[in-house]
Amino acid sequence: HKRYILGLEPLVLTQAGYWHDLLWGTVWASFVERFYNQVSEKENRAA
């Protein structure tokens, strides 16, 4: 309700509640997308 209805996020971030793994996963997903879009290894690595 807080996140999806009210659009609220925690005011104070905590190590347990913060999605650093999600951040990594988002970057990885973007890499895989570029890979299948035929982006070169050098360009994709840099991005």
All heavy atoms as atom14 arrays in JSON, in Angstrom:
{
  "sequence": "HKRYILGLEPLVLTQAGYWHDLLWGTVWASFVERFYNQVSEKENRAA",
  "atom14_mask": [
    [1, 1, 1, 1, 1, 1, 1, 1, 1, 1, 0, 0, 0, 0],
    [1, 1, 1, 1, 1, 1, 1, 1, 1, 0, 0, 0, 0, 0],
    [1, 1, 1, 1, 1, 1, 1, 1, 1, 1, 1, 0, 0, 0],
    [1, 1, 1, 1, 1, 1, 1, 1, 1, 1, 1, 1, 0, 0],
    [1, 1, 1, 1, 1, 1, 1, 1, 0, 0, 0, 0, 0, 0],
    [1, 1, 1, 1, 1, 1, 1, 1, 0, 0, 0, 0, 0, 0],
    [1, 1, 1, 1, 0, 0, 0, 0, 0, 0, 0, 0, 0, 0],
    [1, 1, 1, 1, 1, 1, 1, 1, 0, 0, 0, 0, 0, 0],
    [1, 1, 1, 1, 1, 1, 1, 1, 1, 0, 0, 0, 0, 0],
    [1, 1, 1, 1, 1, 1, 1, 0, 0, 0, 0, 0, 0, 0],
    [1, 1, 1, 1, 1, 1, 1, 1, 0, 0, 0, 0, 0, 0],
    [1, 1, 1, 1, 1, 1, 1, 0, 0, 0, 0, 0, 0, 0],
    [1, 1, 1, 1, 1, 1, 1, 1, 0, 0, 0, 0, 0, 0],
    [1, 1, 1, 1, 1, 1, 1, 0, 0, 0, 0, 0, 0, 0],
    [1, 1, 1, 1, 1, 1, 1, 1, 1, 0, 0, 0, 0, 0],
    [1, 1, 1, 1, 1, 0, 0, 0, 0, 0, 0, 0, 0, 0],
    [1, 1, 1, 1, 0, 0, 0, 0, 0, 0, 0, 0, 0, 0],
    [1, 1, 1, 1, 1, 1, 1, 1, 1, 1, 1, 1, 0, 0],
    [1, 1, 1, 1, 1, 1, 1, 1, 1, 1, 1, 1, 1, 1],
    [1, 1, 1, 1, 1, 1, 1, 1, 1, 1, 0, 0, 0, 0],
    [1, 1, 1, 1, 1, 1, 1, 1, 0, 0, 0, 0, 0, 0],
    [1, 1, 1, 1, 1, 1, 1, 1, 0, 0, 0, 0, 0, 0],
    [1, 1, 1, 1, 1, 1, 1, 1, 0, 0, 0, 0, 0, 0],
    [1, 1, 1, 1, 1, 1, 1, 1, 1, 1, 1, 1, 1, 1],
    [1, 1, 1, 1, 0, 0, 0, 0, 0, 0, 0, 0, 0, 0],
    [1, 1, 1, 1, 1, 1, 1, 0, 0, 0, 0, 0, 0, 0],
    [1, 1, 1, 1, 1, 1, 1, 0, 0, 0, 0, 0, 0, 0],
    [1, 1, 1, 1, 1, 1, 1, 1, 1, 1, 1, 1, 1, 1],
    [1, 1, 1, 1, 1, 0, 0, 0, 0, 0, 0, 0, 0, 0],
    [1, 1, 1, 1, 1, 1, 0, 0, 0, 0, 0, 0, 0, 0],
    [1, 1, 1, 1, 1, 1, 1, 1, 1, 1, 1, 0, 0, 0],
    [1, 1, 1, 1, 1, 1, 1, 0, 0, 0, 0, 0, 0, 0],
    [1, 1, 1, 1, 1, 1, 1, 1, 1, 0, 0, 0, 0, 0],
    [1, 1, 1, 1, 1, 1, 1, 1, 1, 1, 1, 0, 0, 0],
    [1, 1, 1, 1, 1, 1, 1, 1, 1, 1, 1, 0, 0, 0],
    [1, 1, 1, 1, 1, 1, 1, 1, 1, 1, 1, 1, 0, 0],
    [1, 1, 1, 1, 1, 1, 1, 1, 0, 0, 0, 0, 0, 0],
    [1, 1, 1, 1, 1, 1, 1, 1, 1, 0, 0, 0, 0, 0],
    [1, 1, 1, 1, 1, 1, 1, 0, 0, 0, 0, 0, 0, 0],
    [1, 1, 1, 1, 1, 1, 0, 0, 0, 0, 0, 0, 0, 0],
    [1, 1, 1, 1, 1, 1, 1, 1, 1, 0, 0, 0, 0, 0],
    [1, 1, 1, 1, 1, 1, 1, 1, 1, 0, 0, 0, 0, 0],
    [1, 1, 1, 1, 1, 1, 1, 1, 1, 0, 0, 0, 0, 0],
    [1, 1, 1, 1, 1, 1, 1, 1, 0, 0, 0, 0, 0, 0],
    [1, 1, 1, 1, 1, 1, 1, 1, 1, 1, 1, 0, 0, 0],
    [1, 1, 1, 1, 1, 0, 0, 0, 0, 0, 0, 0, 0, 0],
    [1, 1, 1, 1, 1, 0, 0, 0, 0, 0, 0, 0, 0, 0]
  ],
  "atom14_positions": [
    [[0.83, -1.21, 0.0], [0.0, 0.0, 0.0], [0.86, 1.26, 0.0], [0.59, 2.21, -0.75], [-0.93, -0.01, 1.21], [-1.87, 1.16, 1.25], [-2.98, 1.24, 0.43], [-1.86, 2.3, 1.98], [-3.62, 2.38, 0.67], [-2.96, 3.04, 1.6], [0.0, 0.0, 0.0], [0.0, 0.0, 0.0], [0.0, 0.0, 0.0], [0.0, 0.0, 0.0]],
    [[1.9, 1.24, 0.83], [2.77, 2.42, 0.9], [3.52, 2.65, -0.4], [3.63, 3.78, -0.89], [3.77, 2.26, 2.05], [3.14, 2.37, 3.43], [4.2, 2.16, 4.52], [3.58, 2.25, 5.91], [4.59, 2.0, 6.98], [0.0, 0.0, 0.0], [0.0, 0.0, 0.0], [0.0, 0.0, 0.0], [0.0, 0.0, 0.0], [0.0, 0.0, 0.0]],
    [[4.05, 1.56, -0.97], [4.91, 1.71, -2.14], [4.13, 1.88, -3.43], [4.45, 2.74, -4.27], [5.85, 0.5, -2.25], [6.76, 0.53, -3.48], [7.81, -0.55, -3.4], [8.72, -0.31, -2.3], [9.53, -1.24, -1.78], [9.51, -2.46, -2.26], [10.35, -0.94, -0.79], [0.0, 0.0, 0.0], [0.0, 0.0, 0.0], [0.0, 0.0, 0.0]],
    [[3.1, 1.07, -3.64], [2.42, 1.04, -4.93], [1.15, 1.88, -4.99], [0.72, 2.28, -6.07], [2.12, -0.41, -5.34], [3.36, -1.2, -5.66], [4.02, -1.95, -4.68], [3.89, -1.18, -6.94], [5.16, -2.66, -4.98], [5.04, -1.9, -7.25], [5.67, -2.63, -6.26], [6.82, -3.35, -6.55], [0.0, 0.0, 0.0], [0.0, 0.0, 0.0]],
    [[0.53, 2.13, -3.84], [-0.68, 2.95, -3.83], [-0.33, 4.4, -3.49], [-0.73, 5.33, -4.18], [-1.72, 2.42, -2.82], [-2.02, 0.94, -3.09], [-3.0, 3.26, -2.88], [-2.6, 0.67, -4.46], [0.0, 0.0, 0.0], [0.0, 0.0, 0.0], [0.0, 0.0, 0.0], [0.0, 0.0, 0.0], [0.0, 0.0, 0.0], [0.0, 0.0, 0.0]],
    [[0.43, 4.56, -2.41], [0.79, 5.92, -1.97], [2.07, 6.43, -2.62], [2.34, 7.63, -2.57], [0.94, 5.94, -0.44], [-0.3, 5.52, 0.36], [-0.01, 5.59, 1.85], [-1.49, 6.41, 0.0], [0.0, 0.0, 0.0], [0.0, 0.0, 0.0], [0.0, 0.0, 0.0], [0.0, 0.0, 0.0], [0.0, 0.0, 0.0], [0.0, 0.0, 0.0]],
    [[2.87, 5.53, -3.2], [4.11, 5.94, -3.85], [5.18, 6.37, -2.87], [6.01, 7.23, -3.18], [0.0, 0.0, 0.0], [0.0, 0.0, 0.0], [0.0, 0.0, 0.0], [0.0, 0.0, 0.0], [0.0, 0.0, 0.0], [0.0, 0.0, 0.0], [0.0, 0.0, 0.0], [0.0, 0.0, 0.0], [0.0, 0.0, 0.0], [0.0, 0.0, 0.0]],
    [[5.17, 5.79, -1.67], [6.12, 6.17, -0.63], [7.25, 5.16, -0.53], [7.06, 3.97, -0.7], [5.41, 6.27, 0.72], [4.25, 7.26, 0.82], [3.61, 7.16, 2.2], [4.74, 8.68, 0.56], [0.0, 0.0, 0.0], [0.0, 0.0, 0.0], [0.0, 0.0, 0.0], [0.0, 0.0, 0.0], [0.0, 0.0, 0.0], [0.0, 0.0, 0.0]],
    [[8.46, 5.66, -0.24], [9.62, 4.82, 0.04], [10.08, 5.12, 1.47], [9.77, 6.19, 2.01], [10.76, 5.11, -0.94], [10.44, 4.71, -2.38], [10.3, 3.21, -2.58], [10.83, 2.46, -1.74], [9.67, 2.8, -3.57], [0.0, 0.0, 0.0], [0.0, 0.0, 0.0], [0.0, 0.0, 0.0], [0.0, 0.0, 0.0], [0.0, 0.0, 0.0]],
    [[10.81, 4.19, 2.11], [11.28, 4.44, 3.47], [12.09, 5.74, 3.56], [12.91, 6.03, 2.69], [12.17, 3.23, 3.77], [11.68, 2.17, 2.85], [11.24, 2.88, 1.61], [0.0, 0.0, 0.0], [0.0, 0.0, 0.0], [0.0, 0.0, 0.0], [0.0, 0.0, 0.0], [0.0, 0.0, 0.0], [0.0, 0.0, 0.0], [0.0, 0.0, 0.0]],
    [[11.83, 6.52, 4.61], [12.58, 7.76, 4.8], [14.02, 7.48, 5.19], [14.93, 8.23, 4.85], [11.9, 8.61, 5.89], [10.53, 9.17, 5.54], [9.94, 9.91, 6.74], [10.61, 10.11, 4.33], [0.0, 0.0, 0.0], [0.0, 0.0, 0.0], [0.0, 0.0, 0.0], [0.0, 0.0, 0.0], [0.0, 0.0, 0.0], [0.0, 0.0, 0.0]],
    [[14.22, 6.4, 5.94], [15.56, 6.03, 6.38], [15.91, 4.68, 5.77], [15.23, 3.68, 6.0], [15.64, 5.94, 7.92], [17.04, 5.53, 8.35], [15.25, 7.27, 8.54], [0.0, 0.0, 0.0], [0.0, 0.0, 0.0], [0.0, 0.0, 0.0], [0.0, 0.0, 0.0], [0.0, 0.0, 0.0], [0.0, 0.0, 0.0], [0.0, 0.0, 0.0]],
    [[16.97, 4.65, 4.96], [17.39, 3.4, 4.34], [18.14, 2.55, 5.35], [18.88, 3.05, 6.19], [18.31, 3.7, 3.15], [17.66, 4.49, 2.0], [18.72, 4.84, 0.97], [16.54, 3.71, 1.37], [0.0, 0.0, 0.0], [0.0, 0.0, 0.0], [0.0, 0.0, 0.0], [0.0, 0.0, 0.0], [0.0, 0.0, 0.0], [0.0, 0.0, 0.0]],
    [[17.95, 1.26, 5.27], [18.66, 0.34, 6.14], [19.37, -0.69, 5.29], [18.98, -0.97, 4.15], [17.69, -0.39, 7.09], [16.81, -1.21, 6.3], [16.87, 0.58, 7.9], [0.0, 0.0, 0.0], [0.0, 0.0, 0.0], [0.0, 0.0, 0.0], [0.0, 0.0, 0.0], [0.0, 0.0, 0.0], [0.0, 0.0, 0.0], [0.0, 0.0, 0.0]],
    [[20.42, -1.28, 5.84], [21.17, -2.28, 5.08], [20.28, -3.46, 4.72], [20.34, -4.0, 3.62], [22.38, -2.77, 5.88], [23.25, -3.74, 5.1], [24.57, -4.0, 5.78], [24.85, -3.44, 6.83], [25.39, -4.85, 5.19], [0.0, 0.0, 0.0], [0.0, 0.0, 0.0], [0.0, 0.0, 0.0], [0.0, 0.0, 0.0], [0.0, 0.0, 0.0]],
    [[19.41, -3.87, 5.64], [18.55, -5.02, 5.4], [17.5, -4.71, 4.34], [17.12, -5.57, 3.56], [17.87, -5.45, 6.69], [0.0, 0.0, 0.0], [0.0, 0.0, 0.0], [0.0, 0.0, 0.0], [0.0, 0.0, 0.0], [0.0, 0.0, 0.0], [0.0, 0.0, 0.0], [0.0, 0.0, 0.0], [0.0, 0.0, 0.0], [0.0, 0.0, 0.0]],
    [[17.04, -3.46, 4.31], [15.94, -3.12, 3.42], [16.35, -2.55, 2.09], [15.53, -2.36, 1.21], [0.0, 0.0, 0.0], [0.0, 0.0, 0.0], [0.0, 0.0, 0.0], [0.0, 0.0, 0.0], [0.0, 0.0, 0.0], [0.0, 0.0, 0.0], [0.0, 0.0, 0.0], [0.0, 0.0, 0.0], [0.0, 0.0, 0.0], [0.0, 0.0, 0.0]],
    [[17.64, -2.25, 1.94], [18.07, -1.61, 0.7], [18.45, -2.64, -0.35], [19.08, -3.63, -0.06], [19.23, -0.65, 0.95], [19.43, 0.3, -0.19], [18.43, 1.19, -0.55], [20.6, 0.29, -0.94], [18.59, 2.06, -1.6], [20.77, 1.16, -2.0], [19.76, 2.05, -2.33], [19.92, 2.9, -3.37], [0.0, 0.0, 0.0], [0.0, 0.0, 0.0]],
    [[18.07, -2.39, -1.57], [18.19, -3.39, -2.63], [19.49, -3.21, -3.43], [19.45, -2.97, -4.62], [17.0, -3.29, -3.56], [15.7, -3.59, -2.9], [15.49, -4.13, -1.67], [14.4, -3.35, -3.44], [14.15, -4.26, -1.4], [13.46, -3.79, -2.48], [13.94, -2.84, -4.64], [12.09, -3.71, -2.68], [12.57, -2.76, -4.84], [11.67, -3.2, -3.87]],
    [[20.66, -3.33, -2.77], [21.89, -3.22, -3.55], [22.02, -4.38, -4.54], [22.59, -4.23, -5.61], [23.13, -3.13, -2.66], [23.24, -4.18, -1.61], [22.59, -4.11, -0.41], [23.93, -5.34, -1.59], [22.88, -5.17, 0.32], [23.67, -5.94, -0.38], [0.0, 0.0, 0.0], [0.0, 0.0, 0.0], [0.0, 0.0, 0.0], [0.0, 0.0, 0.0]],
    [[21.44, -5.54, -4.18], [21.43, -6.66, -5.12], [20.54, -6.36, -6.32], [20.83, -6.77, -7.45], [20.96, -7.94, -4.43], [22.01, -8.49, -3.47], [23.21, -8.42, -3.81], [21.64, -8.97, -2.4], [0.0, 0.0, 0.0], [0.0, 0.0, 0.0], [0.0, 0.0, 0.0], [0.0, 0.0, 0.0], [0.0, 0.0, 0.0], [0.0, 0.0, 0.0]],
    [[19.45, -5.65, -6.07], [18.56, -5.27, -7.17], [19.26, -4.31, -8.13], [19.11, -4.41, -9.35], [17.29, -4.63, -6.62], [16.27, -4.15, -7.66], [15.78, -5.32, -8.5], [15.1, -3.45, -6.98], [0.0, 0.0, 0.0], [0.0, 0.0, 0.0], [0.0, 0.0, 0.0], [0.0, 0.0, 0.0], [0.0, 0.0, 0.0], [0.0, 0.0, 0.0]],
    [[20.05, -3.39, -7.59], [20.81, -2.46, -8.44], [21.76, -3.22, -9.34], [21.85, -2.95, -10.55], [21.57, -1.46, -7.57], [20.74, -0.46, -6.78], [21.64, 0.34, -5.84], [19.98, 0.46, -7.7], [0.0, 0.0, 0.0], [0.0, 0.0, 0.0], [0.0, 0.0, 0.0], [0.0, 0.0, 0.0], [0.0, 0.0, 0.0], [0.0, 0.0, 0.0]],
    [[22.47, -4.19, -8.77], [23.39, -5.01, -9.56], [22.62, -5.77, -10.63], [23.03, -5.83, -11.79], [24.14, -5.98, -8.65], [25.31, -6.65, -9.3], [26.63, -6.27, -9.24], [25.29, -7.85, -10.11], [27.41, -7.15, -9.96], [26.62, -8.12, -10.51], [24.28, -8.69, -10.54], [26.95, -9.21, -11.31], [24.61, -9.78, -11.35], [25.94, -10.04, -11.72]],
    [[21.49, -6.34, -10.24], [20.69, -7.11, -11.18], [20.16, -6.27, -12.32], [20.07, -6.73, -13.47], [0.0, 0.0, 0.0], [0.0, 0.0, 0.0], [0.0, 0.0, 0.0], [0.0, 0.0, 0.0], [0.0, 0.0, 0.0], [0.0, 0.0, 0.0], [0.0, 0.0, 0.0], [0.0, 0.0, 0.0], [0.0, 0.0, 0.0], [0.0, 0.0, 0.0]],
    [[19.82, -5.01, -12.04], [19.34, -4.11, -13.08], [20.44, -3.81, -14.1], [20.21, -3.8, -15.31], [18.83, -2.8, -12.46], [17.76, -3.09, -11.56], [18.34, -1.84, -13.53], [0.0, 0.0, 0.0], [0.0, 0.0, 0.0], [0.0, 0.0, 0.0], [0.0, 0.0, 0.0], [0.0, 0.0, 0.0], [0.0, 0.0, 0.0], [0.0, 0.0, 0.0]],
    [[21.65, -3.59, -13.6], [22.79, -3.34, -14.48], [23.07, -4.58, -15.32], [23.33, -4.49, -16.53], [24.03, -2.93, -13.66], [25.27, -2.84, -14.56], [23.8, -1.6, -12.96], [0.0, 0.0, 0.0], [0.0, 0.0, 0.0], [0.0, 0.0, 0.0], [0.0, 0.0, 0.0], [0.0, 0.0, 0.0], [0.0, 0.0, 0.0], [0.0, 0.0, 0.0]],
    [[23.0, -5.75, -14.71], [23.26, -7.01, -15.42], [22.2, -7.24, -16.5], [22.52, -7.65, -17.62], [23.31, -8.18, -14.45], [23.6, -9.49, -15.14], [22.74, -10.52, -15.33], [24.84, -9.87, -15.75], [23.36, -11.54, -16.02], [24.65, -11.16, -16.29], [26.07, -9.25, -15.89], [25.67, -11.85, -16.95], [27.08, -9.93, -16.56], [26.88, -11.22, -17.08]],
    [[20.95, -6.97, -16.19], [19.88, -7.14, -17.17], [20.09, -6.24, -18.38], [19.85, -6.65, -19.53], [18.53, -6.86, -16.53], [0.0, 0.0, 0.0], [0.0, 0.0, 0.0], [0.0, 0.0, 0.0], [0.0, 0.0, 0.0], [0.0, 0.0, 0.0], [0.0, 0.0, 0.0], [0.0, 0.0, 0.0], [0.0, 0.0, 0.0], [0.0, 0.0, 0.0]],
    [[20.55, -5.02, -18.14], [20.83, -4.1, -19.25], [21.97, -4.62, -20.11], [21.94, -4.5, -21.34], [21.19, -2.71, -18.71], [20.11, -2.13, -18.03], [0.0, 0.0, 0.0], [0.0, 0.0, 0.0], [0.0, 0.0, 0.0], [0.0, 0.0, 0.0], [0.0, 0.0, 0.0], [0.0, 0.0, 0.0], [0.0, 0.0, 0.0], [0.0, 0.0, 0.0]],
    [[22.99, -5.22, -19.46], [24.1, -5.8, -20.21], [23.6, -6.91, -21.14], [23.95, -6.95, -22.33], [25.16, -6.37, -19.26], [26.02, -7.41, -19.91], [27.01, -7.04, -20.8], [25.81, -8.77, -19.66], [27.79, -8.01, -21.44], [26.57, -9.73, -20.29], [27.56, -9.36, -21.19], [0.0, 0.0, 0.0], [0.0, 0.0, 0.0], [0.0, 0.0, 0.0]],
    [[22.79, -7.83, -20.6], [22.3, -8.95, -21.4], [21.45, -8.45, -22.57], [21.54, -8.96, -23.69], [21.51, -9.95, -20.54], [20.9, -11.05, -21.4], [22.41, -10.56, -19.46], [0.0, 0.0, 0.0], [0.0, 0.0, 0.0], [0.0, 0.0, 0.0], [0.0, 0.0, 0.0], [0.0, 0.0, 0.0], [0.0, 0.0, 0.0], [0.0, 0.0, 0.0]],
    [[20.64, -7.43, -22.32], [19.84, -6.85, -23.39], [20.72, -6.31, -24.51], [20.47, -6.57, -25.7], [18.95, -5.73, -22.84], [18.09, -5.07, -23.91], [17.26, -3.91, -23.38], [17.41, -3.57, -22.2], [16.48, -3.34, -24.16], [0.0, 0.0, 0.0], [0.0, 0.0, 0.0], [0.0, 0.0, 0.0], [0.0, 0.0, 0.0], [0.0, 0.0, 0.0]],
    [[21.78, -5.6, -24.16], [22.68, -5.06, -25.18], [23.4, -6.19, -25.93], [23.61, -6.11, -27.14], [23.7, -4.1, -24.55], [23.14, -2.75, -24.16], [24.23, -1.78, -23.76], [24.91, -2.2, -22.55], [24.54, -1.86, -21.31], [23.48, -1.08, -21.13], [25.22, -2.28, -20.26], [0.0, 0.0, 0.0], [0.0, 0.0, 0.0], [0.0, 0.0, 0.0]],
    [[23.76, -7.23, -25.2], [24.41, -8.39, -25.82], [23.56, -8.95, -26.94], [24.04, -9.19, -28.06], [24.67, -9.47, -24.76], [25.24, -10.75, -25.31], [26.61, -10.9, -25.48], [24.4, -11.81, -25.65], [27.13, -12.08, -25.98], [24.91, -13.0, -26.15], [26.29, -13.14, -26.31], [0.0, 0.0, 0.0], [0.0, 0.0, 0.0], [0.0, 0.0, 0.0]],
    [[22.26, -9.13, -26.67], [21.38, -9.69, -27.68], [20.94, -8.67, -28.72], [20.32, -9.03, -29.72], [20.19, -10.38, -27.02], [20.57, -11.77, -26.57], [20.85, -12.04, -25.24], [20.69, -12.8, -27.49], [21.25, -13.31, -24.83], [21.08, -14.07, -27.09], [21.36, -14.33, -25.78], [21.76, -15.59, -25.39], [0.0, 0.0, 0.0], [0.0, 0.0, 0.0]],
    [[21.28, -7.42, -28.51], [21.08, -6.39, -29.53], [22.34, -6.17, -30.36], [22.47, -5.17, -31.05], [20.64, -5.07, -28.88], [19.19, -5.1, -28.45], [18.37, -5.84, -28.98], [18.85, -4.28, -27.47], [0.0, 0.0, 0.0], [0.0, 0.0, 0.0], [0.0, 0.0, 0.0], [0.0, 0.0, 0.0], [0.0, 0.0, 0.0], [0.0, 0.0, 0.0]],
    [[23.27, -7.13, -30.25], [24.49, -7.16, -31.09], [25.48, -6.03, -30.78], [26.27, -5.63, -31.64], [24.11, -7.11, -32.59], [23.12, -8.16, -33.04], [23.76, -9.51, -33.3], [24.98, -9.63, -33.37], [22.93, -10.55, -33.45], [0.0, 0.0, 0.0], [0.0, 0.0, 0.0], [0.0, 0.0, 0.0], [0.0, 0.0, 0.0], [0.0, 0.0, 0.0]],
    [[25.44, -5.51, -29.55], [26.43, -4.49, -29.17], [27.79, -5.18, -28.97], [27.86, -6.26, -28.39], [25.99, -3.77, -27.87], [27.07, -2.79, -27.39], [24.68, -3.04, -28.11], [0.0, 0.0, 0.0], [0.0, 0.0, 0.0], [0.0, 0.0, 0.0], [0.0, 0.0, 0.0], [0.0, 0.0, 0.0], [0.0, 0.0, 0.0], [0.0, 0.0, 0.0]],
    [[28.84, -4.57, -29.45], [30.17, -5.17, -29.37], [30.6, -5.36, -27.92], [30.14, -4.65, -27.02], [31.19, -4.31, -30.1], [31.44, -3.11, -29.38], [0.0, 0.0, 0.0], [0.0, 0.0, 0.0], [0.0, 0.0, 0.0], [0.0, 0.0, 0.0], [0.0, 0.0, 0.0], [0.0, 0.0, 0.0], [0.0, 0.0, 0.0], [0.0, 0.0, 0.0]],
    [[31.52, -6.28, -27.71], [31.99, -6.55, -26.35], [32.63, -5.31, -25.72], [32.36, -4.98, -24.57], [32.99, -7.7, -26.35], [33.51, -8.04, -24.97], [34.42, -9.26, -24.97], [34.66, -9.84, -26.04], [34.88, -9.64, -23.88], [0.0, 0.0, 0.0], [0.0, 0.0, 0.0], [0.0, 0.0, 0.0], [0.0, 0.0, 0.0], [0.0, 0.0, 0.0]],
    [[33.45, -4.61, -26.49], [34.13, -3.43, -25.96], [33.13, -2.36, -25.55], [33.21, -1.79, -24.45], [35.1, -2.87, -27.01], [35.87, -1.65, -26.54], [36.84, -1.17, -27.62], [37.61, 0.06, -27.16], [38.55, 0.55, -28.22], [0.0, 0.0, 0.0], [0.0, 0.0, 0.0], [0.0, 0.0, 0.0], [0.0, 0.0, 0.0], [0.0, 0.0, 0.0]],
    [[32.17, -2.1, -26.42], [31.18, -1.06, -26.15], [30.27, -1.46, -24.98], [29.94, -0.65, -24.12], [30.34, -0.81, -27.4], [29.34, 0.33, -27.25], [28.53, 0.56, -28.51], [28.91, 0.0, -29.57], [27.53, 1.29, -28.44], [0.0, 0.0, 0.0], [0.0, 0.0, 0.0], [0.0, 0.0, 0.0], [0.0, 0.0, 0.0], [0.0, 0.0, 0.0]],
    [[29.88, -2.73, -24.96], [28.98, -3.21, -23.91], [29.69, -3.23, -22.56], [29.1, -2.9, -21.53], [28.46, -4.61, -24.26], [27.19, -4.97, -23.51], [26.72, -4.23, -22.65], [26.64, -6.11, -23.84], [0.0, 0.0, 0.0], [0.0, 0.0, 0.0], [0.0, 0.0, 0.0], [0.0, 0.0, 0.0], [0.0, 0.0, 0.0], [0.0, 0.0, 0.0]],
    [[30.94, -3.62, -22.56], [31.72, -3.64, -21.31], [31.81, -2.23, -20.72], [31.65, -2.02, -19.52], [33.11, -4.2, -21.57], [33.86, -4.69, -20.34], [35.18, -5.32, -20.75], [35.72, -6.14, -19.71], [36.49, -5.71, -18.71], [36.76, -4.41, -18.63], [36.97, -6.54, -17.8], [0.0, 0.0, 0.0], [0.0, 0.0, 0.0], [0.0, 0.0, 0.0]],
    [[32.07, -1.26, -21.59], [32.2, 0.13, -21.13], [30.85, 0.64, -20.62], [30.78, 1.31, -19.57], [32.7, 1.01, -22.28], [0.0, 0.0, 0.0], [0.0, 0.0, 0.0], [0.0, 0.0, 0.0], [0.0, 0.0, 0.0], [0.0, 0.0, 0.0], [0.0, 0.0, 0.0], [0.0, 0.0, 0.0], [0.0, 0.0, 0.0], [0.0, 0.0, 0.0]],
    [[29.77, 0.34, -21.34], [28.44, 0.81, -20.93], [28.04, 0.18, -19.59], [27.47, 0.85, -18.73], [27.41, 0.45, -22.0], [0.0, 0.0, 0.0], [0.0, 0.0, 0.0], [0.0, 0.0, 0.0], [0.0, 0.0, 0.0], [0.0, 0.0, 0.0], [0.0, 0.0, 0.0], [0.0, 0.0, 0.0], [0.0, 0.0, 0.0], [0.0, 0.0, 0.0]]
  ]
}
